[in-house]
Amino acid sequence: MSVFDVILLFLAGFLSGAANAVAGGGTFITFGAMTLVGLPPIVANATSSVTQFPGYVTSTLAYAADIRHFWRRALLLCLISAFGALAGSLILLALDNPSFRAMVPWLLLAATALFAAGPWLKPSPKPDHEASVGSLVGSLAQFLTAIYGGFFGAGMGVMMLATLGLTQSGDYHKLNALKNMLAMVIAAVAIIVFVSGGVIAWPEAIVMIPGGALGGYAGVWIAKRVPQNVVRGFVVAVGLFLAFYYFAKG
């Protein structure tokens, strides 16, 4: 890596962590930066899972007080998420870079649209209900979401929060806690598969992870000073830029 690449990747990690702390969508930034420094799309996608994982862990820990009330009932969804993530990540590894590259702009457009619609997809608060897990429809929806998360993680959090809101009961914070817990499981399984498949760019990941940690910390400061819509607009712009970049390159 050149000095420019190191600086770009570190800044991308920082912006990713900050974006995730304020509005989400950090995967767009890490994937885009690794694409710009020349990594193949499958490697960039897999490495993004590594760079995002610490954030999933800390977000889950932040909701520990909520999770302890329903974690036993959530184990089924965790198991379903693990199998879905395994399927999605294995599908990714079965593709070659040209095949995946042809899919990337469409995946980015879909994920960007999903992320942009995020505020309208949030579940309505249900403060009088405890979080409920394990329904057949909810289990199927989570399995499909986990396949997507293992295959291409951008927008996974928004998708999962929307499906959980439609299929589970519980107030917003409990559903968000469940979403973070399941996202951590999905990312962990995908990372194991990607490491086994040898598609992680470790030097780039090592540069980006500290940036992401600092960005996540700074996100608290940013959230108090920058409107969430501004951050969300920036992430959407990055997603659209990447989609058209891949369309233009063919």
C-alpha atoms as a PDB file:
ATOM      1  CA  MET A   1       0.000   0.000   0.000  1.00  0.00           C
ATOM      2  CA  SER A   2       1.112   3.536  -0.723  1.00  0.00           C
ATOM      3  CA  VAL A   3       0.992   6.295   1.887  1.00  0.00           C
ATOM      4  CA  PHE A   4      -2.034   7.707   0.066  1.00  0.00           C
ATOM      5  CA  ASP A   5      -3.816   4.340   0.318  1.00  0.00           C
ATOM      6  CA  VAL A   6      -3.117   4.127   4.047  1.00  0.00           C
ATOM      7  CA  ILE A   7      -4.467   7.630   4.646  1.00  0.00           C
ATOM      8  CA  LEU A   8      -7.540   6.980   2.483  1.00  0.00           C
ATOM      9  CA  LEU A   9      -8.338   3.691   4.233  1.00  0.00           C
ATOM     10  CA  PHE A  10      -7.836   5.129   7.713  1.00  0.00           C
ATOM     11  CA  LEU A  11     -10.111   8.084   6.900  1.00  0.00           C
ATOM     12  CA  ALA A  12     -12.674   5.703   5.405  1.00  0.00           C
ATOM     13  CA  GLY A  13     -12.588   3.641   8.601  1.00  0.00           C
ATOM     14  CA  PHE A  14     -13.048   6.808  10.654  1.00  0.00           C
ATOM     15  CA  LEU A  15     -15.964   8.046   8.528  1.00  0.00           C
ATOM     16  CA  SER A  16     -17.509   4.575   8.577  1.00  0.00           C
ATOM     17  CA  GLY A  17     -17.400   4.406  12.368  1.00  0.00           C
ATOM     18  CA  ALA A  18     -18.818   7.909  12.687  1.00  0.00           C
ATOM     19  CA  ALA A  19     -21.588   7.231  10.163  1.00  0.00           C
ATOM     20  CA  ASN A  20     -22.564   4.008  11.922  1.00  0.00           C
ATOM     21  CA  ALA A  21     -22.727   5.818  15.252  1.00  0.00           C
ATOM     22  CA  VAL A  22     -25.006   8.546  13.857  1.00  0.00           C
ATOM     23  CA  ALA A  23     -27.108   7.027  11.071  1.00  0.00           C
ATOM     24  CA  GLY A  24     -25.618   3.716   9.892  1.00  0.00           C
ATOM     25  CA  GLY A  25     -24.377   2.836   6.408  1.00  0.00           C
ATOM     26  CA  GLY A  26     -20.670   2.594   7.189  1.00  0.00           C
ATOM     27  CA  THR A  27     -20.267  -0.432   4.911  1.00  0.00           C
ATOM     28  CA  PHE A  28     -20.747   1.795   1.866  1.00  0.00           C
ATOM     29  CA  ILE A  29     -17.713   3.837   2.877  1.00  0.00           C
ATOM     30  CA  THR A  30     -15.365   0.946   3.688  1.00  0.00           C
ATOM     31  CA  PHE A  31     -16.361  -0.992   0.575  1.00  0.00           C
ATOM     32  CA  GLY A  32     -15.905   2.099  -1.578  1.00  0.00           C
ATOM     33  CA  ALA A  33     -12.473   2.941  -0.182  1.00  0.00           C
ATOM     34  CA  MET A  34     -11.167  -0.583  -0.713  1.00  0.00           C
ATOM     35  CA  THR A  35     -12.554  -0.532  -4.247  1.00  0.00           C
ATOM     36  CA  LEU A  36     -10.725   2.731  -4.959  1.00  0.00           C
ATOM     37  CA  VAL A  37      -7.381   1.341  -3.770  1.00  0.00           C
ATOM     38  CA  GLY A  38      -7.762  -1.533  -6.211  1.00  0.00           C
ATOM     39  CA  LEU A  39      -9.047  -4.487  -4.194  1.00  0.00           C
ATOM     40  CA  PRO A  40     -11.262  -6.956  -6.102  1.00  0.00           C
ATOM     41  CA  PRO A  41     -14.960  -6.559  -5.196  1.00  0.00           C
ATOM     42  CA  ILE A  42     -15.257  -9.917  -3.408  1.00  0.00           C
ATOM     43  CA  VAL A  43     -12.205  -9.114  -1.271  1.00  0.00           C
ATOM     44  CA  ALA A  44     -13.490  -5.590  -0.561  1.00  0.00           C
ATOM     45  CA  ASN A  45     -16.879  -6.961   0.434  1.00  0.00           C
ATOM     46  CA  ALA A  46     -15.430  -9.671   2.678  1.00  0.00           C
ATOM     47  CA  THR A  47     -12.933  -7.299   4.319  1.00  0.00           C
ATOM     48  CA  SER A  48     -15.747  -4.831   5.060  1.00  0.00           C
ATOM     49  CA  SER A  49     -17.300  -7.522   7.257  1.00  0.00           C
ATOM     50  CA  VAL A  50     -14.120  -7.578   9.342  1.00  0.00           C
ATOM     51  CA  THR A  51     -13.942  -3.799   9.682  1.00  0.00           C
ATOM     52  CA  GLN A  52     -17.607  -3.550  10.729  1.00  0.00           C
ATOM     53  CA  PHE A  53     -17.547  -6.390  13.255  1.00  0.00           C
ATOM     54  CA  PRO A  54     -16.122  -4.453  16.250  1.00  0.00           C
ATOM     55  CA  GLY A  55     -18.979  -1.974  15.875  1.00  0.00           C
ATOM     56  CA  TYR A  56     -21.547  -4.774  15.990  1.00  0.00           C
ATOM     57  CA  VAL A  57     -19.946  -6.090  19.191  1.00  0.00           C
ATOM     58  CA  THR A  58     -19.909  -2.724  20.960  1.00  0.00           C
ATOM     59  CA  SER A  59     -23.479  -1.944  19.840  1.00  0.00           C
ATOM     60  CA  THR A  60     -24.642  -5.279  21.243  1.00  0.00           C
ATOM     61  CA  LEU A  61     -22.843  -4.662  24.529  1.00  0.00           C
ATOM     62  CA  ALA A  62     -24.464  -1.239  24.765  1.00  0.00           C
ATOM     63  CA  TYR A  63     -27.855  -2.973  24.749  1.00  0.00           C
ATOM     64  CA  ALA A  64     -26.838  -5.646  27.268  1.00  0.00           C
ATOM     65  CA  ALA A  65     -29.473  -4.532  29.781  1.00  0.00           C
ATOM     66  CA  ASP A  66     -32.250  -5.023  27.212  1.00  0.00           C
ATOM     67  CA  ILE A  67     -30.862  -8.240  25.752  1.00  0.00           C
ATOM     68  CA  ARG A  68     -30.690 -10.039  29.093  1.00  0.00           C
ATOM     69  CA  HIS A  69     -34.511  -9.995  29.237  1.00  0.00           C
ATOM     70  CA  PHE A  70     -34.987 -12.004  26.038  1.00  0.00           C
ATOM     71  CA  TRP A  71     -31.660 -13.572  25.021  1.00  0.00           C
ATOM     72  CA  ARG A  72     -32.837 -17.145  25.695  1.00  0.00           C
ATOM     73  CA  ARG A  73     -35.819 -16.669  23.397  1.00  0.00           C
ATOM     74  CA  ALA A  74     -33.556 -15.041  20.804  1.00  0.00           C
ATOM     75  CA  LEU A  75     -31.255 -18.070  20.563  1.00  0.00           C
ATOM     76  CA  LEU A  76     -33.442 -19.599  17.844  1.00  0.00           C
ATOM     77  CA  LEU A  77     -33.106 -16.476  15.699  1.00  0.00           C
ATOM     78  CA  CYS A  78     -29.354 -16.478  16.365  1.00  0.00           C
ATOM     79  CA  LEU A  79     -29.146 -20.060  15.106  1.00  0.00           C
ATOM     80  CA  ILE A  80     -31.274 -19.224  12.057  1.00  0.00           C
ATOM     81  CA  SER A  81     -29.085 -16.168  11.408  1.00  0.00           C
ATOM     82  CA  ALA A  82     -25.934 -18.294  11.600  1.00  0.00           C
ATOM     83  CA  PHE A  83     -27.241 -20.747   8.989  1.00  0.00           C
ATOM     84  CA  GLY A  84     -28.396 -17.902   6.742  1.00  0.00           C
ATOM     85  CA  ALA A  85     -25.058 -16.111   7.009  1.00  0.00           C
ATOM     86  CA  LEU A  86     -23.258 -19.379   6.249  1.00  0.00           C
ATOM     87  CA  ALA A  87     -25.350 -19.844   3.107  1.00  0.00           C
ATOM     88  CA  GLY A  88     -24.882 -16.248   1.956  1.00  0.00           C
ATOM     89  CA  SER A  89     -21.126 -16.173   2.496  1.00  0.00           C
ATOM     90  CA  LEU A  90     -20.663 -19.532   0.745  1.00  0.00           C
ATOM     91  CA  ILE A  91     -22.677 -18.253  -2.225  1.00  0.00           C
ATOM     92  CA  LEU A  92     -20.328 -15.263  -2.394  1.00  0.00           C
ATOM     93  CA  LEU A  93     -17.246 -17.474  -2.379  1.00  0.00           C
ATOM     94  CA  ALA A  94     -18.758 -19.632  -5.131  1.00  0.00           C
ATOM     95  CA  LEU A  95     -18.744 -16.621  -7.469  1.00  0.00           C
ATOM     96  CA  ASP A  96     -15.740 -15.270  -9.333  1.00  0.00           C
ATOM     97  CA  ASN A  97     -14.903 -11.561  -9.250  1.00  0.00           C
ATOM     98  CA  PRO A  98     -16.305 -10.770 -12.745  1.00  0.00           C
ATOM     99  CA  SER A  99     -19.647 -12.372 -11.857  1.00  0.00           C
ATOM    100  CA  PHE A 100     -19.878 -10.576  -8.524  1.00  0.00           C
ATOM    101  CA  ARG A 101     -18.688  -7.315 -10.088  1.00  0.00           C
ATOM    102  CA  ALA A 102     -21.619  -7.439 -12.528  1.00  0.00           C
ATOM    103  CA  MET A 103     -23.990  -7.711  -9.575  1.00  0.00           C
ATOM    104  CA  VAL A 104     -22.369  -5.006  -7.432  1.00  0.00           C
ATOM    105  CA  PRO A 105     -23.955  -1.853  -8.969  1.00  0.00           C
ATOM    106  CA  TRP A 106     -27.441  -3.364  -8.675  1.00  0.00           C
ATOM    107  CA  LEU A 107     -26.751  -4.502  -5.114  1.00  0.00           C
ATOM    108  CA  LEU A 108     -25.476  -1.022  -4.271  1.00  0.00           C
ATOM    109  CA  LEU A 109     -28.516   0.677  -5.783  1.00  0.00           C
ATOM    110  CA  ALA A 110     -30.868  -1.602  -3.872  1.00  0.00           C
ATOM    111  CA  ALA A 111     -28.945  -1.177  -0.616  1.00  0.00           C
ATOM    112  CA  THR A 112     -28.768   2.613  -1.073  1.00  0.00           C
ATOM    113  CA  ALA A 113     -32.513   2.812  -1.688  1.00  0.00           C
ATOM    114  CA  LEU A 114     -33.124   0.657   1.371  1.00  0.00           C
ATOM    115  CA  PHE A 115     -30.845   2.813   3.495  1.00  0.00           C
ATOM    116  CA  ALA A 116     -32.444   6.042   2.223  1.00  0.00           C
ATOM    117  CA  ALA A 117     -35.877   4.659   3.123  1.00  0.00           C
ATOM    118  CA  GLY A 118     -34.643   3.676   6.589  1.00  0.00           C
ATOM    119  CA  PRO A 119     -36.485   6.407   8.548  1.00  0.00           C
ATOM    120  CA  TRP A 120     -39.800   5.245   7.053  1.00  0.00           C
ATOM    121  CA  LEU A 121     -39.053   1.574   7.673  1.00  0.00           C
ATOM    122  CA  LYS A 122     -38.460   1.883  11.409  1.00  0.00           C
ATOM    123  CA  PRO A 123     -40.990  -0.100  13.436  1.00  0.00           C
ATOM    124  CA  SER A 124     -43.624   1.788  15.368  1.00  0.00           C
ATOM    125  CA  PRO A 125     -43.016   1.789  19.122  1.00  0.00           C
ATOM    126  CA  LYS A 126     -44.993  -0.864  21.031  1.00  0.00           C
ATOM    127  CA  PRO A 127     -44.119  -0.058  24.643  1.00  0.00           C
ATOM    128  CA  ASP A 128     -46.820  -2.292  26.075  1.00  0.00           C
ATOM    129  CA  HIS A 129     -45.444  -5.466  24.519  1.00  0.00           C
ATOM    130  CA  GLU A 130     -42.421  -7.528  25.350  1.00  0.00           C
ATOM    131  CA  ALA A 131     -40.113  -8.579  22.536  1.00  0.00           C
ATOM    132  CA  SER A 132     -41.370 -11.789  20.986  1.00  0.00           C
ATOM    133  CA  VAL A 133     -39.255 -14.102  18.835  1.00  0.00           C
ATOM    134  CA  GLY A 134     -39.590 -17.413  17.092  1.00  0.00           C
ATOM    135  CA  SER A 135     -42.662 -17.095  14.838  1.00  0.00           C
ATOM    136  CA  LEU A 136     -42.562 -19.008  11.555  1.00  0.00           C
ATOM    137  CA  VAL A 137     -42.855 -15.887   9.405  1.00  0.00           C
ATOM    138  CA  GLY A 138     -40.296 -14.064  11.527  1.00  0.00           C
ATOM    139  CA  SER A 139     -37.880 -16.978  11.351  1.00  0.00           C
ATOM    140  CA  LEU A 140     -38.160 -17.159   7.552  1.00  0.00           C
ATOM    141  CA  ALA A 141     -37.721 -13.395   7.182  1.00  0.00           C
ATOM    142  CA  GLN A 142     -34.642 -13.498   9.404  1.00  0.00           C
ATOM    143  CA  PHE A 143     -33.159 -16.418   7.452  1.00  0.00           C
ATOM    144  CA  LEU A 144     -33.491 -14.511   4.171  1.00  0.00           C
ATOM    145  CA  THR A 145     -32.069 -11.356   5.737  1.00  0.00           C
ATOM    146  CA  ALA A 146     -29.121 -13.334   7.093  1.00  0.00           C
ATOM    147  CA  ILE A 147     -28.417 -14.799   3.643  1.00  0.00           C
ATOM    148  CA  TYR A 148     -28.279 -11.255   2.300  1.00  0.00           C
ATOM    149  CA  GLY A 149     -26.080 -10.166   5.215  1.00  0.00           C
ATOM    150  CA  GLY A 150     -23.610 -12.978   4.616  1.00  0.00           C
ATOM    151  CA  PHE A 151     -23.540 -12.259   0.891  1.00  0.00           C
ATOM    152  CA  PHE A 152     -23.504  -8.430   0.852  1.00  0.00           C
ATOM    153  CA  GLY A 153     -23.853  -6.640   4.158  1.00  0.00           C
ATOM    154  CA  ALA A 154     -24.641  -3.063   3.029  1.00  0.00           C
ATOM    155  CA  GLY A 155     -28.055  -2.010   4.312  1.00  0.00           C
ATOM    156  CA  MET A 156     -28.467  -5.206   6.354  1.00  0.00           C
ATOM    157  CA  GLY A 157     -29.242  -3.346   9.583  1.00  0.00           C
ATOM    158  CA  VAL A 158     -32.062  -1.317   8.028  1.00  0.00           C
ATOM    159  CA  MET A 159     -33.503  -4.431   6.369  1.00  0.00           C
ATOM    160  CA  MET A 160     -33.357  -6.426   9.587  1.00  0.00           C
ATOM    161  CA  LEU A 161     -34.918  -3.708  11.711  1.00  0.00           C
ATOM    162  CA  ALA A 162     -37.773  -3.423   9.213  1.00  0.00           C
ATOM    163  CA  THR A 163     -38.466  -7.168   9.118  1.00  0.00           C
ATOM    164  CA  LEU A 164     -38.205  -7.491  12.903  1.00  0.00           C
ATOM    165  CA  GLY A 165     -40.668  -4.643  13.276  1.00  0.00           C
ATOM    166  CA  LEU A 166     -43.144  -6.459  11.046  1.00  0.00           C
ATOM    167  CA  THR A 167     -42.735  -9.923  12.570  1.00  0.00           C
ATOM    168  CA  GLN A 168     -41.852  -9.390  16.247  1.00  0.00           C
ATOM    169  CA  SER A 169     -43.387  -7.473  19.122  1.00  0.00           C
ATOM    170  CA  GLY A 170     -41.521  -5.146  21.439  1.00  0.00           C
ATOM    171  CA  ASP A 171     -40.628  -1.454  21.536  1.00  0.00           C
ATOM    172  CA  TYR A 172     -38.077   0.105  19.190  1.00  0.00           C
ATOM    173  CA  HIS A 173     -35.131  -0.181  21.564  1.00  0.00           C
ATOM    174  CA  LYS A 174     -35.720  -3.887  22.209  1.00  0.00           C
ATOM    175  CA  LEU A 175     -35.999  -4.564  18.487  1.00  0.00           C
ATOM    176  CA  ASN A 176     -32.834  -2.563  17.843  1.00  0.00           C
ATOM    177  CA  ALA A 177     -31.052  -4.545  20.554  1.00  0.00           C
ATOM    178  CA  LEU A 178     -32.188  -7.795  18.918  1.00  0.00           C
ATOM    179  CA  LYS A 179     -31.056  -6.478  15.526  1.00  0.00           C
ATOM    180  CA  ASN A 180     -27.566  -5.688  16.841  1.00  0.00           C
ATOM    181  CA  MET A 181     -27.274  -9.113  18.446  1.00  0.00           C
ATOM    182  CA  LEU A 182     -28.281 -10.903  15.228  1.00  0.00           C
ATOM    183  CA  ALA A 183     -26.025  -8.676  13.089  1.00  0.00           C
ATOM    184  CA  MET A 184     -23.082  -9.660  15.279  1.00  0.00           C
ATOM    185  CA  VAL A 185     -23.853 -13.359  14.736  1.00  0.00           C
ATOM    186  CA  ILE A 186     -24.209 -12.896  10.970  1.00  0.00           C
ATOM    187  CA  ALA A 187     -20.934 -10.981  10.702  1.00  0.00           C
ATOM    188  CA  ALA A 188     -19.071 -13.498  12.881  1.00  0.00           C
ATOM    189  CA  VAL A 189     -20.139 -16.470  10.743  1.00  0.00           C
ATOM    190  CA  ALA A 190     -19.391 -14.628   7.505  1.00  0.00           C
ATOM    191  CA  ILE A 191     -15.935 -13.651   8.746  1.00  0.00           C
ATOM    192  CA  ILE A 192     -15.109 -17.264   9.643  1.00  0.00           C
ATOM    193  CA  VAL A 193     -16.099 -18.354   6.124  1.00  0.00           C
ATOM    194  CA  PHE A 194     -14.206 -15.494   4.470  1.00  0.00           C
ATOM    195  CA  VAL A 195     -11.067 -16.133   6.524  1.00  0.00           C
ATOM    196  CA  SER A 196     -11.243 -19.823   5.627  1.00  0.00           C
ATOM    197  CA  GLY A 197     -11.644 -18.850   1.980  1.00  0.00           C
ATOM    198  CA  GLY A 198      -8.611 -16.558   2.098  1.00  0.00           C
ATOM    199  CA  VAL A 199     -10.458 -13.479   0.795  1.00  0.00           C
ATOM    200  CA  ILE A 200      -9.670 -11.038   3.623  1.00  0.00           C
ATOM    201  CA  ALA A 201      -7.217  -8.224   2.864  1.00  0.00           C
ATOM    202  CA  TRP A 202      -5.637  -8.077   6.313  1.00  0.00           C
ATOM    203  CA  PRO A 203      -3.279  -5.101   5.791  1.00  0.00           C
ATOM    204  CA  GLU A 204      -6.193  -2.936   4.659  1.00  0.00           C
ATOM    205  CA  ALA A 205      -8.399  -4.210   7.486  1.00  0.00           C
ATOM    206  CA  ILE A 206      -5.717  -3.481  10.094  1.00  0.00           C
ATOM    207  CA  VAL A 207      -5.460   0.102   8.836  1.00  0.00           C
ATOM    208  CA  MET A 208      -9.224   0.657   8.864  1.00  0.00           C
ATOM    209  CA  ILE A 209     -10.206  -0.912  12.192  1.00  0.00           C
ATOM    210  CA  PRO A 210      -8.490   1.719  14.420  1.00  0.00           C
ATOM    211  CA  GLY A 211     -10.015   4.440  12.260  1.00  0.00           C
ATOM    212  CA  GLY A 212     -13.423   2.865  12.756  1.00  0.00           C
ATOM    213  CA  ALA A 213     -12.933   2.740  16.519  1.00  0.00           C
ATOM    214  CA  LEU A 214     -12.003   6.424  16.634  1.00  0.00           C
ATOM    215  CA  GLY A 215     -14.862   7.291  14.312  1.00  0.00           C
ATOM    216  CA  GLY A 216     -17.344   5.444  16.502  1.00  0.00           C
ATOM    217  CA  TYR A 217     -16.154   7.425  19.518  1.00  0.00           C
ATOM    218  CA  ALA A 218     -16.243  10.696  17.573  1.00  0.00           C
ATOM    219  CA  GLY A 219     -19.726   9.840  16.335  1.00  0.00           C
ATOM    220  CA  VAL A 220     -21.124  10.798  19.733  1.00  0.00           C
ATOM    221  CA  TRP A 221     -19.634  14.277  19.314  1.00  0.00           C
ATOM    222  CA  ILE A 222     -20.781  14.474  15.677  1.00  0.00           C
ATOM    223  CA  ALA A 223     -24.315  13.363  16.557  1.00  0.00           C
ATOM    224  CA  LYS A 224     -24.682  16.375  18.841  1.00  0.00           C
ATOM    225  CA  ARG A 225     -23.599  18.841  16.148  1.00  0.00           C
ATOM    226  CA  VAL A 226     -24.494  17.409  12.734  1.00  0.00           C
ATOM    227  CA  PRO A 227     -28.114  16.548  11.857  1.00  0.00           C
ATOM    228  CA  GLN A 228     -28.667  12.846  11.202  1.00  0.00           C
ATOM    229  CA  ASN A 229     -30.184  13.684   7.810  1.00  0.00           C
ATOM    230  CA  VAL A 230     -26.905  15.279   6.713  1.00  0.00           C
ATOM    231  CA  VAL A 231     -24.937  12.150   7.608  1.00  0.00           C
ATOM    232  CA  ARG A 232     -27.573   9.956   5.981  1.00  0.00           C
ATOM    233  CA  GLY A 233     -27.412  12.108   2.838  1.00  0.00           C
ATOM    234  CA  PHE A 234     -23.637  11.722   2.715  1.00  0.00           C
ATOM    235  CA  VAL A 235     -23.893   7.928   2.967  1.00  0.00           C
ATOM    236  CA  VAL A 236     -26.571   7.823   0.239  1.00  0.00           C
ATOM    237  CA  ALA A 237     -24.339   9.973  -1.989  1.00  0.00           C
ATOM    238  CA  VAL A 238     -21.461   7.533  -1.447  1.00  0.00           C
ATOM    239  CA  GLY A 239     -23.714   4.586  -2.311  1.00  0.00           C
ATOM    240  CA  LEU A 240     -24.928   6.247  -5.521  1.00  0.00           C
ATOM    241  CA  PHE A 241     -21.399   7.249  -6.511  1.00  0.00           C
ATOM    242  CA  LEU A 242     -20.184   3.670  -6.073  1.00  0.00           C
ATOM    243  CA  ALA A 243     -23.132   2.252  -8.018  1.00  0.00           C
ATOM    244  CA  PHE A 244     -22.533   4.550 -10.989  1.00  0.00           C
ATOM    245  CA  TYR A 245     -18.773   3.969 -10.708  1.00  0.00           C
ATOM    246  CA  TYR A 246     -19.350   0.227 -11.169  1.00  0.00           C
ATOM    247  CA  PHE A 247     -21.864   0.821 -13.955  1.00  0.00           C
ATOM    248  CA  ALA A 248     -19.367   3.066 -15.759  1.00  0.00           C
ATOM    249  CA  LYS A 249     -16.496   0.587 -15.418  1.00  0.00           C
ATOM    250  CA  GLY A 250     -18.688  -2.251 -16.710  1.00  0.00           C
END
